[in-house]
Amino acid sequence: MSTTVTSERPTEAVSSRRAWAAVAVLSASLLVITMDMTILNIALPEMAAELHPTSDQQLWIVDVYSLVLAGLLVSWAAIADRWGRKRMLMLGYGIFLVASLLVLVADSAGAVIAIRAFLGIGGAMIMPNTLSLIRVIFTDAKERATALSIWAAVSGLGAAVGPLVGGFLLEHFSWHAAFLVNVPLMLVAIVAGVLVLPESRVADPGRWDALAAGLSLVGMVLVVWAIKTFGKEATFALPSAWVATVVGVAALVWFARRCLRSDQPLLDLGLFRSRPFTAGIVAALGTTFAMVAALLLLAQWLQLVDGATPIEAGLRLVPVAVAGAVSSLAAPPLARLIGSRTVLVGGLALAGIGMLVVGLHPGEITYAVLLVAMVLIGAGTGSLAIASAMVMMGSPEERAGNAGALEETSYELGGTLGVAILGSVSALVYRSVLTDTATGHGVDPTLTEQAGESLGAAVAIAEEAGAPDLARDAAAAFVDSLQVAGIAGGIVMLAVAAAVFVLTPRGAEISGAAH
């Protein structure tokens, strides 16, 4: 069952039934990847207790997947345009399967980081092609908006299924199971993809620009590394980070100029001339900035401060994902009633308010407070359905791969920056507060220094050393760091909402995007 879709012959050979079956397969692919990311949030404390990663390594365990994925999205999408998007998708499934199996031999934090990087290589082959295939399969704008809202809703459900599945697995198995669960799911995806998905490629995409691909990868890696370093050290007096910033920005500028001057660029940056497209990209980046960082910090609070078991933590994180899934499905019809710009900006503002609820709450942080925040943040992610529709409708079909790569880059870069910036801010505040309070309570400075690497390390060290005061001080320090991160994230989200309001043209509609 191999149907080829090109820019000259879009989707005549794809029946309506097969088109919606393809949406199911593509959305399921996204479910596996988003579930994998949220499973890691639940598994992280147990992994930290066993492997004792430094705070830097813990950030990289979470972050390296998104960094590698974002760096390779442009290259893999360009190759998929030439080689076939379905073929690239199948290869990505296979790499994801093999990488998940490799956890069986992982015995250090460095090994886990390497596996996460390998998963990022496979994810970069999967993510943009799920979007580009939806773009070329559906020619009707309203049907495409519905398909993309399902895609976005499944992303929210992945955030719910991940903690639940992860919690169940960690109740009965080691943290390795959080990776191994991908194996049967990828096997099913491979079989279903071969049977259901049509092939799609661009008829005359031009040559693949290896230099541009290298520039995009190097530039993104160096810039994000510099951001993480500045955040961790809490000082700008870092020559190595400044060198990385300068070289990274220079590489990205060179990449952009090379693409803009080419008749057949690796990445068509001219897509940003469409205001709805640009607004959708900015909104996607801002939403994932808040969502990924919030889920990471909340999962740790639930287990290490509130004392929840892994499966209890998974259950308590369900509201944020359910709210996201429901709002994603409701977003397109709501946009037709009150306008796409209102729904898009309103969702971003809701997410920002949700983060500020945590940061500005005057009393003790309880689960009830976090529940309100989680529902607001989750409801705000419904804006991703509108953002995705605006991105895809703001690009021609032959640029579907470029549009998918740019949108997924914004998702992954947003998540990476969220963890790097808010995670680093949180780690800095945690370490500073813990050092002050624990030293004042007479805790051994050596233990305090070790516990300052992460809350998970602090809990494990306190248990081994029989120092309950250290565990209590670490929990209090983490709550302080959570609130500071909430304030910072809330301010960023409200700023993004304001920017998207300005960028989105009045009257832009996802049933036929304004160009």
Protein backbone atom coordinates (compact mmCIF):
# COMPACT_ATOMS: atom_id res chain seq x y z
CA MET A 1 0.00 0.00 0.00
CA SER A 2 2.44 2.68 -1.16
CA THR A 3 0.92 5.88 -2.53
CA THR A 4 3.31 8.67 -3.52
CA VAL A 5 2.31 12.29 -2.91
CA THR A 6 4.23 15.03 -4.75
CA SER A 7 3.77 18.77 -5.11
CA GLU A 8 2.14 18.21 -8.53
CA ARG A 9 -0.21 15.43 -7.46
CA PRO A 10 -1.25 16.14 -3.86
CA THR A 11 -3.65 13.63 -2.39
CA GLU A 12 -6.02 12.25 -5.04
CA ALA A 13 -4.98 8.67 -4.29
CA VAL A 14 -5.60 8.98 -0.53
CA SER A 15 -9.18 8.13 0.45
CA SER A 16 -10.90 9.92 3.30
CA ARG A 17 -10.86 6.78 5.45
CA ARG A 18 -7.16 6.25 4.86
CA ALA A 19 -6.43 9.92 5.50
CA TRP A 20 -7.99 9.78 8.98
CA ALA A 21 -6.29 6.43 9.63
CA ALA A 22 -3.02 8.18 8.78
CA VAL A 23 -3.83 10.89 11.33
CA ALA A 24 -4.29 8.16 13.93
CA VAL A 25 -0.89 6.62 13.13
CA LEU A 26 0.90 9.97 13.04
CA SER A 27 -0.71 11.12 16.28
CA ALA A 28 0.20 7.83 17.92
CA SER A 29 3.81 8.48 16.93
CA LEU A 30 3.63 11.79 18.73
CA LEU A 31 2.02 10.07 21.73
CA VAL A 32 5.02 7.77 22.11
CA ILE A 33 7.50 10.64 21.97
CA THR A 34 5.65 12.94 24.38
CA MET A 35 4.97 10.02 26.69
CA ASP A 36 8.68 9.24 26.67
CA MET A 37 9.49 12.79 27.74
CA THR A 38 7.03 12.81 30.66
CA ILE A 39 7.96 9.30 31.77
CA LEU A 40 11.46 10.65 32.23
CA ASN A 41 10.15 13.30 34.64
CA ILE A 42 8.75 10.55 36.85
CA ALA A 43 11.84 8.34 36.52
CA LEU A 44 14.34 11.13 37.16
CA PRO A 45 14.37 11.02 41.00
CA GLU A 46 14.98 7.24 41.09
CA MET A 47 17.56 7.54 38.32
CA ALA A 48 19.31 10.36 40.23
CA ALA A 49 19.37 8.31 43.43
CA GLU A 50 21.03 5.37 41.64
CA LEU A 51 23.39 7.15 39.24
CA HIS A 52 24.12 10.29 41.34
CA PRO A 53 24.30 12.71 38.38
CA THR A 54 25.54 16.23 39.01
CA SER A 55 23.02 19.04 38.54
CA ASP A 56 24.61 19.67 35.13
CA GLN A 57 24.23 16.02 34.13
CA GLN A 58 20.64 15.96 35.37
CA LEU A 59 19.82 18.93 33.18
CA TRP A 60 21.53 17.28 30.22
CA ILE A 61 19.64 14.01 30.73
CA VAL A 62 16.43 15.95 30.27
CA ASP A 63 17.75 18.48 27.79
CA VAL A 64 20.06 16.67 25.36
CA TYR A 65 17.17 14.91 23.61
CA SER A 66 15.53 18.20 22.71
CA LEU A 67 18.83 19.81 21.79
CA VAL A 68 19.86 17.05 19.37
CA LEU A 69 16.35 16.85 17.94
CA ALA A 70 16.14 20.60 17.37
CA GLY A 71 19.59 20.66 15.80
CA LEU A 72 18.78 17.89 13.30
CA LEU A 73 15.17 18.77 12.39
CA VAL A 74 16.12 20.99 9.45
CA SER A 75 18.54 18.46 7.97
CA TRP A 76 16.29 15.45 8.34
CA ALA A 77 13.26 17.35 6.98
CA ALA A 78 15.28 18.40 3.92
CA ILE A 79 16.40 14.81 3.32
CA ALA A 80 12.82 13.57 3.79
CA ASP A 81 11.60 16.00 1.11
CA ARG A 82 13.95 14.26 -1.32
CA TRP A 83 14.03 10.68 -0.09
CA GLY A 84 10.40 10.34 1.05
CA ARG A 85 8.73 11.46 4.27
CA LYS A 86 7.29 8.03 4.99
CA ARG A 87 10.69 6.39 4.57
CA MET A 88 12.28 8.89 6.94
CA LEU A 89 9.49 8.29 9.44
CA MET A 90 10.04 4.52 9.34
CA LEU A 91 13.79 4.97 9.84
CA GLY A 92 13.08 7.23 12.81
CA TYR A 93 10.83 4.58 14.35
CA GLY A 94 13.62 2.01 14.00
CA ILE A 95 16.25 4.26 15.60
CA PHE A 96 13.90 5.08 18.47
CA LEU A 97 13.38 1.35 19.04
CA VAL A 98 17.11 0.52 19.06
CA ALA A 99 17.99 3.49 21.29
CA SER A 100 15.36 2.42 23.83
CA LEU A 101 16.86 -1.08 23.97
CA LEU A 102 20.33 0.31 24.69
CA VAL A 103 19.21 1.36 28.19
CA LEU A 104 19.76 -2.29 29.19
CA VAL A 105 23.51 -1.63 29.17
CA ALA A 106 23.41 1.89 30.66
CA ASP A 107 25.18 2.05 34.02
CA SER A 108 26.11 5.74 34.35
CA ALA A 109 24.68 9.21 33.88
CA GLY A 110 26.91 9.65 30.84
CA ALA A 111 25.46 6.52 29.21
CA VAL A 112 21.91 7.77 29.77
CA ILE A 113 22.82 11.13 28.23
CA ALA A 114 24.22 9.30 25.16
CA ILE A 115 21.04 7.23 24.82
CA ARG A 116 18.90 10.34 25.09
CA ALA A 117 20.98 11.92 22.32
CA PHE A 118 20.43 8.82 20.12
CA LEU A 119 16.70 9.07 20.81
CA GLY A 120 16.90 12.67 19.65
CA ILE A 121 18.32 11.54 16.31
CA GLY A 122 15.32 9.26 15.80
CA GLY A 123 12.87 11.84 17.09
CA ALA A 124 14.15 14.39 14.58
CA MET A 125 13.19 11.97 11.81
CA ILE A 126 9.71 11.47 13.23
CA MET A 127 8.42 14.81 14.47
CA PRO A 128 8.44 17.10 11.39
CA ASN A 129 7.15 14.35 9.13
CA THR A 130 4.03 13.83 11.24
CA LEU A 131 3.12 17.46 10.56
CA SER A 132 4.20 17.63 6.92
CA LEU A 133 2.23 14.48 6.05
CA ILE A 134 -0.92 15.92 7.65
CA ARG A 135 -0.31 19.12 5.65
CA VAL A 136 -0.16 17.33 2.28
CA ILE A 137 -2.83 14.69 2.97
CA PHE A 138 -5.57 17.20 3.84
CA THR A 139 -6.36 19.84 1.21
CA ASP A 140 -9.50 21.14 2.95
CA ALA A 141 -8.53 23.82 5.50
CA LYS A 142 -11.27 22.94 7.99
CA GLU A 143 -10.42 19.21 7.91
CA ARG A 144 -6.73 20.05 8.26
CA ALA A 145 -7.44 22.22 11.30
CA THR A 146 -9.38 19.34 12.85
CA ALA A 147 -6.56 16.89 12.10
CA LEU A 148 -4.00 19.24 13.63
CA SER A 149 -6.16 19.74 16.74
CA ILE A 150 -6.22 15.95 17.16
CA TRP A 151 -2.43 15.96 16.76
CA ALA A 152 -2.09 18.64 19.45
CA ALA A 153 -4.61 16.92 21.76
CA VAL A 154 -2.68 13.65 21.57
CA SER A 155 0.41 15.55 22.64
CA GLY A 156 -1.49 16.57 25.77
CA LEU A 157 -2.68 13.03 26.35
CA GLY A 158 0.91 11.84 26.05
CA ALA A 159 1.75 14.09 28.97
CA ALA A 160 -0.99 12.30 30.96
CA VAL A 161 -0.24 8.76 29.85
CA GLY A 162 3.49 9.20 30.44
CA PRO A 163 3.33 9.83 34.19
CA LEU A 164 0.72 7.10 34.67
CA VAL A 165 2.61 4.48 32.69
CA GLY A 166 5.89 5.64 34.20
CA GLY A 167 4.47 5.54 37.70
CA PHE A 168 3.11 2.03 37.19
CA LEU A 169 6.40 0.78 35.73
CA LEU A 170 8.48 2.32 38.53
CA GLU A 171 6.23 0.72 41.14
CA HIS A 172 7.16 -2.71 39.75
CA PHE A 173 10.44 -2.28 37.87
CA SER A 174 13.56 -0.13 37.78
CA TRP A 175 13.85 3.22 35.96
CA HIS A 176 15.10 1.32 32.90
CA ALA A 177 11.49 0.38 32.14
CA ALA A 178 10.77 4.04 31.32
CA PHE A 179 12.87 3.52 28.17
CA LEU A 180 11.98 -0.10 27.39
CA VAL A 181 8.26 0.70 27.17
CA ASN A 182 9.01 2.37 23.82
CA VAL A 183 10.05 -0.92 22.21
CA PRO A 184 6.63 -2.57 21.70
CA LEU A 185 5.04 0.78 20.87
CA MET A 186 7.57 1.43 18.10
CA LEU A 187 7.06 -2.06 16.70
CA VAL A 188 3.33 -1.36 16.38
CA ALA A 189 4.05 2.06 14.81
CA ILE A 190 6.33 0.50 12.19
CA VAL A 191 3.72 -2.07 11.12
CA ALA A 192 0.86 0.45 11.09
CA GLY A 193 2.94 3.02 9.24
CA VAL A 194 3.89 0.60 6.47
CA LEU A 195 0.24 -0.37 5.95
CA VAL A 196 -1.50 3.01 6.27
CA LEU A 197 0.74 5.97 5.52
CA PRO A 198 1.13 7.35 1.97
CA GLU A 199 4.54 8.32 0.65
CA SER A 200 5.20 12.01 0.10
CA ARG A 201 8.12 13.88 -1.44
CA VAL A 202 8.82 17.14 -3.25
CA ALA A 203 9.23 16.79 -7.01
CA ASP A 204 12.18 19.21 -7.43
CA PRO A 205 13.59 20.13 -4.00
CA GLY A 206 17.08 21.15 -5.12
CA ARG A 207 20.36 19.93 -3.67
CA TRP A 208 20.91 19.24 0.02
CA ASP A 209 23.19 21.91 1.49
CA ALA A 210 25.57 20.11 3.85
CA LEU A 211 27.28 23.32 4.98
CA ALA A 212 23.96 24.92 5.95
CA ALA A 213 22.97 21.78 7.85
CA GLY A 214 26.22 21.84 9.79
CA LEU A 215 25.88 25.54 10.57
CA SER A 216 22.37 25.10 12.00
CA LEU A 217 23.45 22.22 14.23
CA VAL A 218 26.61 23.90 15.52
CA GLY A 219 24.89 27.22 16.08
CA MET A 220 22.01 25.82 18.12
CA VAL A 221 24.20 23.56 20.24
CA LEU A 222 26.64 26.35 21.15
CA VAL A 223 23.98 28.95 21.93
CA VAL A 224 21.96 26.66 24.20
CA TRP A 225 25.12 25.40 25.93
CA ALA A 226 26.06 29.02 26.66
CA ILE A 227 22.61 29.77 28.09
CA LYS A 228 22.82 26.75 30.38
CA THR A 229 26.30 27.74 31.55
CA PHE A 230 25.35 31.34 32.31
CA GLY A 231 22.28 30.11 34.23
CA LYS A 232 24.17 27.58 36.31
CA GLU A 233 27.07 29.82 37.29
CA ALA A 234 24.88 32.94 37.83
CA THR A 235 27.55 35.20 36.40
CA PHE A 236 28.39 36.66 33.02
CA ALA A 237 32.14 36.53 33.71
CA LEU A 238 32.54 33.28 31.77
CA PRO A 239 34.86 33.59 28.74
CA SER A 240 34.09 30.09 27.42
CA ALA A 241 30.34 30.75 27.43
CA TRP A 242 30.82 34.09 25.68
CA VAL A 243 32.96 32.44 23.01
CA ALA A 244 30.25 29.79 22.51
CA THR A 245 27.61 32.52 22.26
CA VAL A 246 29.53 34.52 19.68
CA VAL A 247 30.44 31.48 17.55
CA GLY A 248 26.91 30.02 17.85
CA VAL A 249 25.17 33.26 16.85
CA ALA A 250 27.65 33.75 14.00
CA ALA A 251 26.92 30.22 12.72
CA LEU A 252 23.17 30.81 12.82
CA VAL A 253 23.49 34.19 11.06
CA TRP A 254 25.66 32.56 8.38
CA PHE A 255 23.07 29.78 8.05
CA ALA A 256 20.24 32.31 7.67
CA ARG A 257 22.11 34.39 5.07
CA ARG A 258 23.01 31.27 3.10
CA CYS A 259 19.36 30.15 3.04
CA LEU A 260 18.03 33.60 2.13
CA ARG A 261 20.46 33.95 -0.78
CA SER A 262 19.77 30.49 -2.23
CA ASP A 263 17.18 29.81 -4.95
CA GLN A 264 16.59 26.38 -3.38
CA PRO A 265 17.46 26.82 0.31
CA LEU A 266 17.80 24.02 2.82
CA LEU A 267 15.26 25.93 4.92
CA ASP A 268 12.91 28.50 3.39
CA LEU A 269 13.14 31.37 5.88
CA GLY A 270 10.90 33.37 3.57
CA LEU A 271 8.01 31.60 5.31
CA PHE A 272 8.43 34.14 8.11
CA ARG A 273 7.08 36.83 5.78
CA SER A 274 3.66 35.38 6.64
CA ARG A 275 2.56 37.01 9.89
CA PRO A 276 0.26 34.11 10.90
CA PHE A 277 3.15 31.69 10.32
CA THR A 278 5.50 33.78 12.48
CA ALA A 279 2.90 34.20 15.22
CA GLY A 280 2.33 30.44 15.27
CA ILE A 281 6.05 29.72 15.61
CA VAL A 282 6.48 32.21 18.47
CA ALA A 283 3.40 30.84 20.25
CA ALA A 284 4.62 27.25 19.94
CA LEU A 285 8.04 28.16 21.34
CA GLY A 286 6.55 30.08 24.27
CA THR A 287 4.02 27.39 25.20
CA THR A 288 6.56 24.56 25.30
CA PHE A 289 8.95 26.82 27.25
CA ALA A 290 6.40 26.88 30.07
CA MET A 291 4.98 23.37 29.76
CA VAL A 292 8.18 21.31 29.73
CA ALA A 293 9.87 23.19 32.55
CA ALA A 294 6.71 23.19 34.69
CA LEU A 295 6.17 19.43 34.33
CA LEU A 296 9.80 18.72 35.20
CA LEU A 297 9.76 20.81 38.39
CA LEU A 298 6.27 19.71 39.48
CA ALA A 299 7.10 16.00 39.10
CA GLN A 300 10.08 16.47 41.43
CA TRP A 301 8.01 18.44 43.98
CA LEU A 302 5.32 15.76 44.09
CA GLN A 303 7.75 12.91 44.77
CA LEU A 304 10.53 14.50 46.79
CA VAL A 305 8.66 17.19 48.75
CA ASP A 306 5.06 15.98 48.94
CA GLY A 307 6.11 12.34 49.35
CA ALA A 308 4.06 10.86 46.49
CA THR A 309 5.02 7.52 45.02
CA PRO A 310 5.81 7.50 41.29
CA ILE A 311 2.34 6.30 40.33
CA GLU A 312 0.69 8.79 42.70
CA ALA A 313 2.75 11.55 41.12
CA GLY A 314 1.59 10.36 37.70
CA LEU A 315 -2.07 10.51 38.78
CA ARG A 316 -1.64 13.99 40.25
CA LEU A 317 -0.14 15.29 37.00
CA VAL A 318 -3.12 14.08 34.95
CA PRO A 319 -5.08 17.38 35.23
CA VAL A 320 -2.47 19.38 33.32
CA ALA A 321 -2.51 16.92 30.42
CA VAL A 322 -6.28 16.43 30.34
CA ALA A 323 -6.81 20.19 30.36
CA GLY A 324 -4.38 20.46 27.44
CA ALA A 325 -6.08 17.72 25.44
CA VAL A 326 -9.58 19.12 25.98
CA SER A 327 -8.56 22.67 25.15
CA SER A 328 -6.74 21.48 22.00
CA LEU A 329 -9.90 19.84 20.66
CA ALA A 330 -12.03 22.83 21.65
CA ALA A 331 -9.65 25.42 20.19
CA PRO A 332 -10.60 25.23 16.44
CA PRO A 333 -14.39 25.55 16.92
CA LEU A 334 -13.82 28.23 19.55
CA ALA A 335 -11.54 30.09 17.14
CA ARG A 336 -14.31 30.10 14.54
CA LEU A 337 -16.59 31.75 17.11
CA ILE A 338 -14.34 34.38 18.69
CA GLY A 339 -11.34 34.50 16.36
CA SER A 340 -8.01 32.70 16.14
CA ARG A 341 -6.01 35.56 17.64
CA THR A 342 -8.20 35.68 20.75
CA VAL A 343 -7.89 31.95 21.38
CA LEU A 344 -4.15 31.89 20.67
CA VAL A 345 -3.25 34.86 22.86
CA GLY A 346 -5.73 33.86 25.57
CA GLY A 347 -4.15 30.41 25.85
CA LEU A 348 -0.67 31.85 26.24
CA ALA A 349 -1.88 34.27 28.91
CA LEU A 350 -3.59 31.43 30.81
CA ALA A 351 -0.33 29.47 30.91
CA GLY A 352 1.48 32.54 32.19
CA ILE A 353 -1.09 33.13 34.91
CA GLY A 354 -0.82 29.47 35.91
CA MET A 355 2.90 29.82 36.49
CA LEU A 356 2.42 33.04 38.44
CA VAL A 357 -0.08 31.26 40.72
CA VAL A 358 2.81 29.09 41.92
CA GLY A 359 5.31 31.92 42.09
CA LEU A 360 3.18 34.50 43.89
CA HIS A 361 1.21 32.28 46.27
CA PRO A 362 1.81 33.83 49.72
CA GLY A 363 1.26 30.81 51.94
CA GLU A 364 2.47 27.22 51.95
CA ILE A 365 2.62 25.49 48.58
CA THR A 366 0.12 22.62 48.57
CA TYR A 367 -1.21 20.28 45.92
CA ALA A 368 -4.41 22.35 45.76
CA VAL A 369 -2.39 25.39 44.74
CA LEU A 370 -0.51 23.37 42.14
CA LEU A 371 -3.76 21.87 40.84
CA VAL A 372 -5.08 25.33 39.98
CA ALA A 373 -1.78 26.19 38.32
CA MET A 374 -1.64 22.91 36.38
CA VAL A 375 -5.16 23.30 34.99
CA LEU A 376 -4.39 26.85 33.83
CA ILE A 377 -1.08 25.81 32.25
CA GLY A 378 -2.72 22.78 30.62
CA ALA A 379 -5.64 24.80 29.28
CA GLY A 380 -3.17 27.28 27.88
CA THR A 381 -1.50 24.62 25.75
CA GLY A 382 -4.70 24.42 23.71
CA SER A 383 -3.23 27.37 21.85
CA LEU A 384 -0.83 24.91 20.22
CA ALA A 385 -3.67 23.60 18.05
CA ILE A 386 -4.23 27.11 16.67
CA ALA A 387 -0.50 27.78 16.39
CA SER A 388 0.03 24.57 14.41
CA ALA A 389 -2.86 25.32 12.06
CA MET A 390 -1.54 28.84 11.43
CA VAL A 391 1.96 27.52 10.72
CA MET A 392 0.78 24.83 8.30
CA MET A 393 -1.77 27.02 6.55
CA GLY A 394 0.75 29.85 6.27
CA SER A 395 3.03 27.69 4.11
CA PRO A 396 2.62 26.17 0.62
CA GLU A 397 2.38 22.41 0.27
CA GLU A 398 5.84 22.03 -1.29
CA ARG A 399 7.26 23.71 1.84
CA ALA A 400 5.41 21.42 4.24
CA GLY A 401 8.69 19.82 5.31
CA ASN A 402 10.23 23.22 6.01
CA ALA A 403 7.17 24.32 7.95
CA GLY A 404 7.12 21.11 9.96
CA ALA A 405 10.82 21.43 10.74
CA LEU A 406 10.44 25.04 11.86
CA GLU A 407 7.42 24.27 14.02
CA GLU A 408 9.05 21.27 15.65
CA THR A 409 12.24 23.28 16.13
CA SER A 410 10.22 25.88 17.98
CA TYR A 411 8.63 23.16 20.16
CA GLU A 412 11.91 21.51 21.01
CA LEU A 413 13.92 24.70 21.34
CA GLY A 414 11.18 26.11 23.57
CA GLY A 415 11.33 23.05 25.79
CA THR A 416 15.12 23.10 25.81
CA LEU A 417 15.25 26.77 26.75
CA GLY A 418 12.56 26.26 29.38
CA VAL A 419 14.58 23.55 31.09
CA ALA A 420 17.88 25.39 30.57
CA ILE A 421 16.69 28.77 31.81
CA LEU A 422 14.04 27.92 34.40
CA GLY A 423 15.88 24.75 35.43
CA SER A 424 19.11 26.67 35.89
CA VAL A 425 17.35 29.47 37.79
CA SER A 426 15.71 26.88 40.02
CA ALA A 427 19.01 25.03 40.61
CA LEU A 428 20.80 28.27 41.45
CA VAL A 429 18.17 29.39 43.98
CA TYR A 430 17.97 25.87 45.47
CA ARG A 431 21.72 25.63 45.98
CA SER A 432 21.98 29.15 47.43
CA VAL A 433 19.08 28.75 49.89
CA LEU A 434 20.16 25.26 50.97
CA THR A 435 23.73 26.42 51.66
CA ASP A 436 22.47 29.26 53.87
CA THR A 437 19.84 27.31 55.82
CA ALA A 438 21.66 23.98 56.23
CA THR A 439 24.87 25.66 57.38
CA GLY A 440 22.87 27.69 59.88
CA HIS A 441 21.37 24.47 61.28
CA GLY A 442 24.80 22.93 61.81
CA VAL A 443 24.67 20.39 58.97
CA ASP A 444 28.08 19.10 57.82
CA PRO A 445 29.24 21.50 55.03
CA THR A 446 30.54 18.57 52.98
CA LEU A 447 27.09 16.95 52.94
CA THR A 448 25.49 20.29 52.18
CA GLU A 449 27.74 20.80 49.17
CA GLN A 450 26.89 17.34 47.80
CA ALA A 451 23.18 17.84 48.47
CA GLY A 452 23.30 21.13 46.58
CA GLU A 453 23.63 19.26 43.28
CA SER A 454 19.93 18.34 43.22
CA LEU A 455 16.96 17.63 45.46
CA GLY A 456 17.07 13.94 44.54
CA ALA A 457 20.70 13.75 45.59
CA ALA A 458 19.90 15.60 48.83
CA VAL A 459 17.16 13.13 49.79
CA ALA A 460 19.40 10.13 49.06
CA ILE A 461 22.36 11.64 50.97
CA ALA A 462 20.18 12.55 53.94
CA GLU A 463 18.88 8.98 54.17
CA GLU A 464 22.36 7.46 53.93
CA ALA A 465 23.84 9.87 56.48
CA GLY A 466 20.86 9.79 58.85
CA ALA A 467 20.44 13.56 58.57
CA PRO A 468 16.70 14.38 58.51
CA ASP A 469 17.45 18.10 58.98
CA LEU A 470 19.27 18.11 55.65
CA ALA A 471 16.28 16.56 53.86
CA ARG A 472 13.91 19.10 55.44
CA ASP A 473 16.13 22.05 54.51
CA ALA A 474 16.53 20.73 50.96
CA ALA A 475 12.75 20.42 50.52
CA ALA A 476 12.23 24.00 51.76
CA ALA A 477 14.98 25.27 49.45
CA PHE A 478 13.38 23.48 46.48
CA VAL A 479 10.00 25.12 47.18
CA ASP A 480 11.69 28.53 47.16
CA SER A 481 13.38 27.69 43.88
CA LEU A 482 10.07 26.48 42.41
CA GLN A 483 8.41 29.79 43.21
CA VAL A 484 11.20 31.86 41.68
CA ALA A 485 11.01 29.73 38.52
CA GLY A 486 7.22 30.22 38.48
CA ILE A 487 7.57 34.01 38.56
CA ALA A 488 10.23 34.00 35.84
CA GLY A 489 8.20 31.65 33.64
CA GLY A 490 4.98 33.58 34.13
CA ILE A 491 6.60 36.85 33.08
CA VAL A 492 8.07 35.22 29.97
CA MET A 493 4.70 33.73 28.99
CA LEU A 494 2.84 37.03 29.34
CA ALA A 495 5.51 38.71 27.23
CA VAL A 496 5.09 36.00 24.56
CA ALA A 497 1.31 36.51 24.63
CA ALA A 498 1.79 40.24 24.01
CA ALA A 499 4.19 39.56 21.13
CA VAL A 500 1.81 37.08 19.49
CA PHE A 501 -1.07 39.56 19.80
CA VAL A 502 0.97 42.12 17.86
CA LEU A 503 2.14 39.60 15.25
CA THR A 504 -1.23 37.97 14.50
CA PRO A 505 -3.25 39.93 11.93
CA ARG A 506 -6.76 40.90 12.90
CA GLY A 507 -9.13 38.43 11.28
CA ALA A 508 -6.56 35.68 10.70
CA GLU A 509 -8.52 32.44 10.59
CA ILE A 510 -7.40 28.81 10.66
CA SER A 511 -10.18 27.80 8.26
CA GLY A 512 -8.21 29.64 5.60
CA ALA A 513 -5.15 31.35 6.96
CA ALA A 514 -4.47 34.93 6.04
CA HIS A 515 -1.26 35.32 4.06
